Amino acid sequence: MDAASLRALQAPLKSRYKDSPDAGRVTLKAKGELDDQAIACKVETGRALAVAGLHPATGGSGLELCSGDMLLEALVACAGVTLKAVATALEIPLRSGRVLAEGDLDFRGTLGVDKEARVGFEEIRLTFEIDTDAPQEKIDTLLKLTERYCVVLQTLANKPSLDVNITKAA
């Protein structure tokens, strides 16, 4: 896809969202079923069933997906798509590229071993490796706009309000 095709594809959406701001608001949903045999949750991905379980550092077998890995994978996916869209819009030719995410966890917090240890990622590093002849100024703009428009990155950077509840099944 080239810049003109991307603009043509997005122009009616942008116009609609400007005219009707509520049209731009979408509720994404995910759901899963608790596994009745293992400490796992079966998550519907839209394409397949992903079975998430305990990380080996918390007693898991390693056979199921780790939700922490899935979070990093979502970040990589979103950042990669965003970078590619921004590069297309800015007409920055990319011969190839890789997106890498790493995150540091202290499982003492998750397991309740140390009440002072954080539960969750302490640090996440996101790296883009791109093969391009674009000047550094364009590459800097590419990174800045990718950071600005990546939904998952911005969600991690700017904590959304959360509403957590539990109900009994009927």
N, C-alpha and C. Protein backbone atom coordinates (compact mmCIF):
# COMPACT_ATOMS: atom_id res chain seq x y z
N MET A 1 0.86 -1.17 0.00
CA MET A 1 0.00 0.00 0.00
C MET A 1 0.90 1.23 0.00
N ASP A 2 0.51 2.23 -0.77
CA ASP A 2 1.28 3.47 -0.79
C ASP A 2 0.55 4.56 0.01
N ALA A 3 1.20 5.71 0.14
CA ALA A 3 0.64 6.81 0.95
C ALA A 3 -0.71 7.26 0.43
N ALA A 4 -0.86 7.37 -0.87
CA ALA A 4 -2.12 7.83 -1.46
C ALA A 4 -3.25 6.84 -1.16
N SER A 5 -2.96 5.56 -1.27
CA SER A 5 -3.98 4.54 -0.99
C SER A 5 -4.38 4.56 0.48
N LEU A 6 -3.39 4.73 1.36
CA LEU A 6 -3.68 4.81 2.79
C LEU A 6 -4.54 6.02 3.11
N ARG A 7 -4.18 7.16 2.53
CA ARG A 7 -4.98 8.38 2.76
C ARG A 7 -6.40 8.20 2.25
N ALA A 8 -6.54 7.60 1.06
CA ALA A 8 -7.87 7.38 0.48
C ALA A 8 -8.70 6.44 1.36
N LEU A 9 -8.04 5.46 1.92
CA LEU A 9 -8.72 4.51 2.79
C LEU A 9 -9.19 5.16 4.09
N GLN A 10 -8.33 6.03 4.65
CA GLN A 10 -8.62 6.62 5.95
C GLN A 10 -9.40 7.93 5.89
N ALA A 11 -9.39 8.60 4.75
CA ALA A 11 -10.06 9.91 4.63
C ALA A 11 -11.53 9.89 5.03
N PRO A 12 -12.34 8.94 4.53
CA PRO A 12 -13.75 8.95 4.93
C PRO A 12 -13.93 8.66 6.43
N LEU A 13 -13.05 7.85 6.99
CA LEU A 13 -13.13 7.57 8.43
C LEU A 13 -12.82 8.82 9.23
N LYS A 14 -11.74 9.51 8.86
CA LYS A 14 -11.36 10.74 9.55
C LYS A 14 -12.46 11.79 9.45
N SER A 15 -13.04 11.92 8.29
CA SER A 15 -14.12 12.88 8.08
C SER A 15 -15.32 12.53 8.96
N ARG A 16 -15.68 11.26 8.98
CA ARG A 16 -16.83 10.81 9.78
C ARG A 16 -16.57 11.08 11.26
N TYR A 17 -15.35 10.80 11.73
CA TYR A 17 -15.03 10.98 13.15
C TYR A 17 -14.98 12.46 13.52
N LYS A 18 -14.59 13.32 12.59
CA LYS A 18 -14.60 14.76 12.86
C LYS A 18 -16.03 15.26 12.96
N ASP A 19 -16.89 14.79 12.04
CA ASP A 19 -18.29 15.22 12.03
C ASP A 19 -19.09 14.61 13.18
N SER A 20 -18.77 13.40 13.55
CA SER A 20 -19.48 12.67 14.59
C SER A 20 -18.48 12.04 15.54
N PRO A 21 -17.98 12.79 16.52
CA PRO A 21 -16.95 12.26 17.41
C PRO A 21 -17.30 10.91 18.04
N ASP A 22 -18.56 10.69 18.37
CA ASP A 22 -18.94 9.41 18.98
C ASP A 22 -18.74 8.24 18.03
N ALA A 23 -18.74 8.47 16.74
CA ALA A 23 -18.53 7.39 15.77
C ALA A 23 -17.12 6.82 15.88
N GLY A 24 -16.20 7.60 16.39
CA GLY A 24 -14.83 7.14 16.55
C GLY A 24 -14.59 6.32 17.81
N ARG A 25 -15.60 6.25 18.65
CA ARG A 25 -15.47 5.50 19.91
C ARG A 25 -15.93 4.07 19.68
N VAL A 26 -15.03 3.14 19.91
CA VAL A 26 -15.31 1.72 19.71
C VAL A 26 -14.92 0.98 20.98
N THR A 27 -15.72 0.01 21.37
CA THR A 27 -15.39 -0.83 22.52
C THR A 27 -14.85 -2.15 22.00
N LEU A 28 -13.58 -2.40 22.25
CA LEU A 28 -12.98 -3.68 21.90
C LEU A 28 -13.25 -4.63 23.06
N LYS A 29 -13.38 -5.90 22.75
CA LYS A 29 -13.71 -6.87 23.79
C LYS A 29 -12.82 -8.10 23.66
N ALA A 30 -12.56 -8.72 24.77
CA ALA A 30 -11.86 -10.00 24.81
C ALA A 30 -12.55 -10.84 25.86
N LYS A 31 -12.55 -12.15 25.66
CA LYS A 31 -13.13 -13.01 26.68
C LYS A 31 -12.41 -14.34 26.70
N GLY A 32 -12.53 -14.98 27.83
CA GLY A 32 -11.89 -16.27 28.01
C GLY A 32 -12.70 -17.13 28.95
N GLU A 33 -12.41 -18.40 28.93
CA GLU A 33 -13.07 -19.35 29.82
C GLU A 33 -12.01 -19.98 30.71
N LEU A 34 -12.30 -20.08 32.00
CA LEU A 34 -11.38 -20.73 32.91
C LEU A 34 -11.30 -22.21 32.57
N ASP A 35 -10.10 -22.73 32.53
CA ASP A 35 -9.88 -24.15 32.26
C ASP A 35 -10.32 -24.93 33.49
N ASP A 36 -11.11 -25.98 33.31
CA ASP A 36 -11.59 -26.74 34.46
C ASP A 36 -10.62 -27.84 34.90
N GLN A 37 -9.53 -28.02 34.16
CA GLN A 37 -8.56 -29.06 34.48
C GLN A 37 -7.21 -28.52 34.96
N ALA A 38 -6.89 -27.30 34.58
CA ALA A 38 -5.56 -26.75 34.88
C ALA A 38 -5.68 -25.30 35.33
N ILE A 39 -4.59 -24.77 35.85
CA ILE A 39 -4.55 -23.34 36.18
C ILE A 39 -4.26 -22.63 34.86
N ALA A 40 -5.32 -22.37 34.12
CA ALA A 40 -5.19 -21.80 32.78
C ALA A 40 -6.49 -21.10 32.41
N CYS A 41 -6.41 -20.25 31.41
CA CYS A 41 -7.57 -19.54 30.89
C CYS A 41 -7.52 -19.62 29.37
N LYS A 42 -8.60 -20.05 28.76
CA LYS A 42 -8.68 -20.17 27.31
C LYS A 42 -9.23 -18.86 26.74
N VAL A 43 -8.39 -18.16 25.99
CA VAL A 43 -8.73 -16.84 25.47
C VAL A 43 -9.08 -16.95 23.99
N GLU A 44 -10.23 -16.41 23.63
CA GLU A 44 -10.63 -16.38 22.22
C GLU A 44 -9.92 -15.23 21.54
N THR A 45 -9.12 -15.55 20.51
CA THR A 45 -8.35 -14.50 19.83
C THR A 45 -9.02 -14.02 18.56
N GLY A 46 -10.08 -14.66 18.14
CA GLY A 46 -10.72 -14.29 16.87
C GLY A 46 -10.25 -15.21 15.76
N ARG A 47 -9.08 -15.76 15.91
CA ARG A 47 -8.52 -16.67 14.90
C ARG A 47 -8.32 -18.08 15.47
N ALA A 48 -8.05 -18.15 16.75
CA ALA A 48 -7.78 -19.43 17.40
C ALA A 48 -8.01 -19.27 18.89
N LEU A 49 -7.91 -20.36 19.59
CA LEU A 49 -8.03 -20.34 21.03
C LEU A 49 -6.62 -20.34 21.61
N ALA A 50 -6.30 -19.35 22.41
CA ALA A 50 -4.99 -19.26 23.05
C ALA A 50 -5.17 -19.68 24.51
N VAL A 51 -4.37 -20.61 24.95
CA VAL A 51 -4.46 -21.06 26.33
C VAL A 51 -3.32 -20.44 27.13
N ALA A 52 -3.70 -19.59 28.07
CA ALA A 52 -2.72 -18.90 28.92
C ALA A 52 -2.66 -19.62 30.26
N GLY A 53 -1.44 -19.74 30.76
CA GLY A 53 -1.25 -20.39 32.05
C GLY A 53 -0.17 -19.70 32.85
N LEU A 54 0.24 -20.33 33.90
CA LEU A 54 1.28 -19.77 34.76
C LEU A 54 2.63 -19.79 34.04
N HIS A 55 3.42 -18.75 34.25
CA HIS A 55 4.78 -18.71 33.75
C HIS A 55 5.60 -19.73 34.54
N PRO A 56 6.58 -20.37 33.93
CA PRO A 56 7.41 -21.32 34.68
C PRO A 56 8.01 -20.74 35.96
N ALA A 57 8.27 -19.44 35.99
CA ALA A 57 8.83 -18.81 37.19
C ALA A 57 7.82 -18.74 38.34
N THR A 58 6.55 -19.07 38.05
CA THR A 58 5.53 -19.11 39.10
C THR A 58 4.95 -20.51 39.25
N GLY A 59 5.62 -21.52 38.66
CA GLY A 59 5.17 -22.89 38.80
C GLY A 59 4.49 -23.47 37.58
N GLY A 60 4.41 -22.71 36.51
CA GLY A 60 3.78 -23.21 35.29
C GLY A 60 4.66 -24.20 34.55
N SER A 61 4.02 -24.94 33.66
CA SER A 61 4.73 -25.97 32.90
C SER A 61 5.49 -25.39 31.70
N GLY A 62 5.08 -24.19 31.28
CA GLY A 62 5.67 -23.62 30.07
C GLY A 62 4.95 -24.06 28.81
N LEU A 63 3.96 -24.94 28.95
CA LEU A 63 3.21 -25.41 27.79
C LEU A 63 2.15 -24.39 27.36
N GLU A 64 1.63 -23.62 28.33
CA GLU A 64 0.64 -22.60 28.01
C GLU A 64 1.34 -21.27 27.75
N LEU A 65 0.61 -20.37 27.13
CA LEU A 65 1.13 -19.03 26.89
C LEU A 65 1.20 -18.25 28.20
N CYS A 66 2.20 -17.40 28.31
CA CYS A 66 2.31 -16.53 29.47
C CYS A 66 1.64 -15.21 29.12
N SER A 67 0.77 -14.72 29.99
CA SER A 67 0.07 -13.46 29.70
C SER A 67 1.03 -12.29 29.60
N GLY A 68 2.14 -12.34 30.32
CA GLY A 68 3.16 -11.29 30.19
C GLY A 68 3.76 -11.28 28.79
N ASP A 69 4.05 -12.47 28.27
CA ASP A 69 4.54 -12.58 26.89
C ASP A 69 3.48 -12.05 25.91
N MET A 70 2.22 -12.38 26.19
CA MET A 70 1.14 -11.94 25.31
C MET A 70 1.03 -10.42 25.31
N LEU A 71 1.25 -9.80 26.47
CA LEU A 71 1.24 -8.34 26.55
C LEU A 71 2.34 -7.75 25.67
N LEU A 72 3.55 -8.32 25.78
CA LEU A 72 4.65 -7.83 24.95
C LEU A 72 4.38 -8.10 23.47
N GLU A 73 3.77 -9.23 23.16
CA GLU A 73 3.42 -9.54 21.77
C GLU A 73 2.39 -8.54 21.23
N ALA A 74 1.43 -8.16 22.07
CA ALA A 74 0.45 -7.15 21.65
C ALA A 74 1.14 -5.81 21.39
N LEU A 75 2.10 -5.48 22.24
CA LEU A 75 2.86 -4.24 22.04
C LEU A 75 3.64 -4.30 20.73
N VAL A 76 4.32 -5.41 20.48
CA VAL A 76 5.08 -5.57 19.23
C VAL A 76 4.15 -5.48 18.02
N ALA A 77 3.02 -6.15 18.09
CA ALA A 77 2.08 -6.14 16.96
C ALA A 77 1.58 -4.73 16.68
N CYS A 78 1.13 -4.05 17.72
CA CYS A 78 0.59 -2.70 17.56
C CYS A 78 1.66 -1.73 17.09
N ALA A 79 2.82 -1.80 17.71
CA ALA A 79 3.91 -0.89 17.34
C ALA A 79 4.37 -1.15 15.91
N GLY A 80 4.43 -2.41 15.53
CA GLY A 80 4.85 -2.74 14.17
C GLY A 80 3.87 -2.24 13.12
N VAL A 81 2.58 -2.45 13.36
CA VAL A 81 1.56 -1.98 12.43
C VAL A 81 1.56 -0.46 12.37
N THR A 82 1.69 0.18 13.54
CA THR A 82 1.71 1.64 13.59
C THR A 82 2.92 2.20 12.85
N LEU A 83 4.09 1.63 13.09
CA LEU A 83 5.30 2.07 12.41
C LEU A 83 5.15 1.93 10.89
N LYS A 84 4.61 0.82 10.47
CA LYS A 84 4.43 0.58 9.03
C LYS A 84 3.44 1.58 8.43
N ALA A 85 2.36 1.86 9.14
CA ALA A 85 1.37 2.83 8.64
C ALA A 85 1.96 4.23 8.58
N VAL A 86 2.70 4.62 9.62
CA VAL A 86 3.32 5.95 9.64
C VAL A 86 4.37 6.06 8.53
N ALA A 87 5.18 5.01 8.36
CA ALA A 87 6.18 5.02 7.29
C ALA A 87 5.51 5.15 5.93
N THR A 88 4.41 4.47 5.76
CA THR A 88 3.67 4.55 4.50
C THR A 88 3.14 5.96 4.29
N ALA A 89 2.52 6.53 5.32
CA ALA A 89 1.95 7.87 5.20
C ALA A 89 3.03 8.92 4.93
N LEU A 90 4.21 8.74 5.52
CA LEU A 90 5.30 9.70 5.34
C LEU A 90 6.17 9.38 4.12
N GLU A 91 5.81 8.32 3.43
CA GLU A 91 6.55 7.87 2.25
C GLU A 91 8.02 7.59 2.58
N ILE A 92 8.21 6.90 3.71
CA ILE A 92 9.54 6.45 4.11
C ILE A 92 9.66 4.99 3.67
N PRO A 93 10.53 4.72 2.71
CA PRO A 93 10.65 3.34 2.24
C PRO A 93 11.38 2.46 3.27
N LEU A 94 10.75 1.35 3.60
CA LEU A 94 11.35 0.38 4.52
C LEU A 94 11.59 -0.92 3.74
N ARG A 95 12.84 -1.32 3.63
CA ARG A 95 13.13 -2.59 2.97
C ARG A 95 12.78 -3.76 3.87
N SER A 96 13.00 -3.58 5.16
CA SER A 96 12.65 -4.59 6.14
C SER A 96 12.66 -3.95 7.52
N GLY A 97 12.17 -4.68 8.47
CA GLY A 97 12.17 -4.16 9.84
C GLY A 97 11.83 -5.24 10.84
N ARG A 98 12.26 -5.02 12.05
CA ARG A 98 11.93 -5.90 13.18
C ARG A 98 11.52 -5.05 14.36
N VAL A 99 10.62 -5.59 15.15
CA VAL A 99 10.17 -4.92 16.37
C VAL A 99 10.44 -5.88 17.52
N LEU A 100 11.13 -5.40 18.51
CA LEU A 100 11.51 -6.23 19.66
C LEU A 100 11.01 -5.59 20.94
N ALA A 101 10.44 -6.40 21.82
CA ALA A 101 10.02 -5.91 23.13
C ALA A 101 10.57 -6.85 24.20
N GLU A 102 11.09 -6.25 25.24
CA GLU A 102 11.58 -6.98 26.41
C GLU A 102 10.99 -6.33 27.64
N GLY A 103 10.68 -7.14 28.62
CA GLY A 103 10.16 -6.61 29.87
C GLY A 103 10.74 -7.33 31.06
N ASP A 104 11.03 -6.59 32.10
CA ASP A 104 11.61 -7.16 33.32
C ASP A 104 10.54 -7.29 34.40
N LEU A 105 10.47 -8.48 34.98
CA LEU A 105 9.53 -8.79 36.05
C LEU A 105 10.29 -9.31 37.26
N ASP A 106 9.74 -9.09 38.43
CA ASP A 106 10.26 -9.67 39.66
C ASP A 106 9.15 -10.56 40.21
N PHE A 107 9.29 -11.86 40.01
CA PHE A 107 8.22 -12.77 40.38
C PHE A 107 8.06 -12.93 41.89
N ARG A 108 8.96 -12.33 42.67
CA ARG A 108 8.76 -12.33 44.12
C ARG A 108 7.48 -11.55 44.46
N GLY A 109 7.18 -10.51 43.68
CA GLY A 109 5.96 -9.75 43.90
C GLY A 109 4.73 -10.56 43.55
N THR A 110 4.76 -11.21 42.38
CA THR A 110 3.64 -12.02 41.91
C THR A 110 3.32 -13.16 42.88
N LEU A 111 4.35 -13.76 43.45
CA LEU A 111 4.14 -14.89 44.35
C LEU A 111 3.95 -14.46 45.81
N GLY A 112 3.98 -13.16 46.07
CA GLY A 112 3.78 -12.68 47.43
C GLY A 112 4.93 -12.97 48.37
N VAL A 113 6.12 -13.22 47.81
CA VAL A 113 7.30 -13.51 48.61
C VAL A 113 7.83 -12.24 49.27
N ASP A 114 7.75 -11.14 48.53
CA ASP A 114 8.25 -9.85 49.02
C ASP A 114 7.18 -8.81 48.75
N LYS A 115 6.56 -8.31 49.82
CA LYS A 115 5.47 -7.34 49.67
C LYS A 115 5.93 -6.04 49.04
N GLU A 116 7.24 -5.76 49.07
CA GLU A 116 7.79 -4.54 48.47
C GLU A 116 8.08 -4.71 46.98
N ALA A 117 8.16 -5.96 46.52
CA ALA A 117 8.46 -6.22 45.11
C ALA A 117 7.22 -5.93 44.26
N ARG A 118 7.43 -5.22 43.20
CA ARG A 118 6.34 -4.83 42.31
C ARG A 118 5.72 -6.06 41.64
N VAL A 119 4.41 -6.02 41.51
CA VAL A 119 3.70 -7.02 40.71
C VAL A 119 3.52 -6.40 39.33
N GLY A 120 4.04 -7.03 38.32
CA GLY A 120 3.96 -6.49 36.97
C GLY A 120 5.32 -6.08 36.46
N PHE A 121 5.34 -5.61 35.24
CA PHE A 121 6.60 -5.21 34.62
C PHE A 121 7.20 -4.00 35.31
N GLU A 122 8.47 -4.08 35.59
CA GLU A 122 9.21 -2.95 36.15
C GLU A 122 9.71 -2.04 35.04
N GLU A 123 10.07 -2.64 33.93
CA GLU A 123 10.60 -1.89 32.79
C GLU A 123 10.28 -2.65 31.52
N ILE A 124 9.92 -1.91 30.48
CA ILE A 124 9.70 -2.49 29.15
C ILE A 124 10.55 -1.70 28.17
N ARG A 125 11.24 -2.43 27.32
CA ARG A 125 12.06 -1.81 26.27
C ARG A 125 11.49 -2.22 24.92
N LEU A 126 11.24 -1.23 24.08
CA LEU A 126 10.72 -1.46 22.73
C LEU A 126 11.76 -0.94 21.74
N THR A 127 12.18 -1.81 20.83
CA THR A 127 13.22 -1.46 19.87
C THR A 127 12.74 -1.75 18.45
N PHE A 128 13.01 -0.81 17.57
CA PHE A 128 12.73 -0.99 16.15
C PHE A 128 14.07 -1.09 15.42
N GLU A 129 14.22 -2.08 14.58
CA GLU A 129 15.38 -2.20 13.71
C GLU A 129 14.85 -2.10 12.29
N ILE A 130 15.21 -1.02 11.59
CA ILE A 130 14.67 -0.83 10.25
C ILE A 130 15.80 -0.69 9.23
N ASP A 131 15.53 -1.18 8.03
CA ASP A 131 16.47 -1.05 6.92
C ASP A 131 15.86 -0.02 5.96
N THR A 132 16.45 1.16 5.95
CA THR A 132 15.94 2.26 5.14
C THR A 132 17.08 3.20 4.77
N ASP A 133 16.89 3.92 3.69
CA ASP A 133 17.83 4.97 3.30
C ASP A 133 17.34 6.35 3.73
N ALA A 134 16.26 6.40 4.45
CA ALA A 134 15.69 7.68 4.88
C ALA A 134 16.69 8.43 5.76
N PRO A 135 16.69 9.75 5.65
CA PRO A 135 17.58 10.55 6.51
C PRO A 135 17.14 10.45 7.98
N GLN A 136 18.08 10.70 8.89
CA GLN A 136 17.82 10.56 10.32
C GLN A 136 16.64 11.42 10.77
N GLU A 137 16.48 12.60 10.18
CA GLU A 137 15.37 13.48 10.54
C GLU A 137 14.02 12.79 10.30
N LYS A 138 13.90 12.07 9.18
CA LYS A 138 12.66 11.34 8.87
C LYS A 138 12.48 10.16 9.82
N ILE A 139 13.59 9.49 10.15
CA ILE A 139 13.53 8.35 11.06
C ILE A 139 13.10 8.82 12.45
N ASP A 140 13.59 9.97 12.88
CA ASP A 140 13.19 10.53 14.17
C ASP A 140 11.70 10.84 14.19
N THR A 141 11.19 11.40 13.09
CA THR A 141 9.76 11.69 12.98
C THR A 141 8.96 10.39 12.99
N LEU A 142 9.46 9.38 12.30
CA LEU A 142 8.80 8.08 12.26
C LEU A 142 8.66 7.51 13.68
N LEU A 143 9.72 7.58 14.46
CA LEU A 143 9.66 7.07 15.83
C LEU A 143 8.69 7.90 16.67
N LYS A 144 8.79 9.20 16.57
CA LYS A 144 7.92 10.09 17.37
C LYS A 144 6.44 9.83 17.08
N LEU A 145 6.09 9.69 15.81
CA LEU A 145 4.69 9.48 15.45
C LEU A 145 4.23 8.05 15.77
N THR A 146 5.14 7.10 15.65
CA THR A 146 4.79 5.72 16.02
C THR A 146 4.49 5.67 17.51
N GLU A 147 5.32 6.30 18.32
CA GLU A 147 5.06 6.35 19.76
C GLU A 147 3.72 7.03 20.05
N ARG A 148 3.46 8.11 19.36
CA ARG A 148 2.24 8.89 19.61
C ARG A 148 0.97 8.13 19.26
N TYR A 149 1.00 7.34 18.18
CA TYR A 149 -0.22 6.72 17.69
C TYR A 149 -0.36 5.23 17.97
N CYS A 150 0.61 4.61 18.63
CA CYS A 150 0.50 3.19 18.97
C CYS A 150 -0.42 3.04 20.18
N VAL A 151 -1.54 2.40 19.98
CA VAL A 151 -2.56 2.26 21.02
C VAL A 151 -2.03 1.52 22.25
N VAL A 152 -1.37 0.40 22.04
CA VAL A 152 -0.90 -0.38 23.18
C VAL A 152 0.19 0.37 23.93
N LEU A 153 1.12 0.98 23.21
CA LEU A 153 2.18 1.75 23.86
C LEU A 153 1.58 2.89 24.68
N GLN A 154 0.64 3.62 24.11
CA GLN A 154 0.03 4.73 24.83
C GLN A 154 -0.79 4.26 26.02
N THR A 155 -1.40 3.09 25.90
CA THR A 155 -2.16 2.53 27.03
C THR A 155 -1.23 2.21 28.19
N LEU A 156 -0.06 1.64 27.87
CA LEU A 156 0.92 1.34 28.92
C LEU A 156 1.51 2.62 29.51
N ALA A 157 1.76 3.60 28.66
CA ALA A 157 2.39 4.85 29.10
C ALA A 157 1.44 5.73 29.91
N ASN A 158 0.16 5.66 29.60
CA ASN A 158 -0.85 6.52 30.24
C ASN A 158 -1.97 5.63 30.77
N LYS A 159 -1.81 5.19 31.99
CA LYS A 159 -2.74 4.23 32.58
C LYS A 159 -4.20 4.67 32.39
N PRO A 160 -5.00 3.79 31.79
CA PRO A 160 -6.43 4.12 31.66
C PRO A 160 -7.15 3.90 32.99
N SER A 161 -8.33 4.46 33.13
CA SER A 161 -9.11 4.13 34.31
C SER A 161 -9.56 2.68 34.17
N LEU A 162 -9.55 1.98 35.27
CA LEU A 162 -9.91 0.56 35.26
C LEU A 162 -11.09 0.33 36.17
N ASP A 163 -11.99 -0.51 35.73
CA ASP A 163 -13.13 -0.92 36.54
C ASP A 163 -13.09 -2.45 36.61
N VAL A 164 -12.82 -2.99 37.76
CA VAL A 164 -12.70 -4.43 37.93
C VAL A 164 -13.81 -4.89 38.87
N ASN A 165 -14.52 -5.94 38.47
CA ASN A 165 -15.57 -6.46 39.34
C ASN A 165 -15.68 -7.96 39.19
N ILE A 166 -16.43 -8.57 40.07
CA ILE A 166 -16.66 -10.01 40.03
C ILE A 166 -18.12 -10.25 40.32
N THR A 167 -18.71 -11.18 39.58
CA THR A 167 -20.11 -11.55 39.80
C THR A 167 -20.24 -13.06 39.81
N LYS A 168 -21.26 -13.55 40.45
CA LYS A 168 -21.55 -14.98 40.44
C LYS A 168 -22.28 -15.32 39.15
N ALA A 169 -21.90 -16.42 38.53
CA ALA A 169 -22.60 -16.88 37.32
C ALA A 169 -24.01 -17.29 37.70
N ALA A 170 -24.93 -17.02 36.79
CA ALA A 170 -26.34 -17.34 37.06
C ALA A 170 -26.61 -18.80 36.90
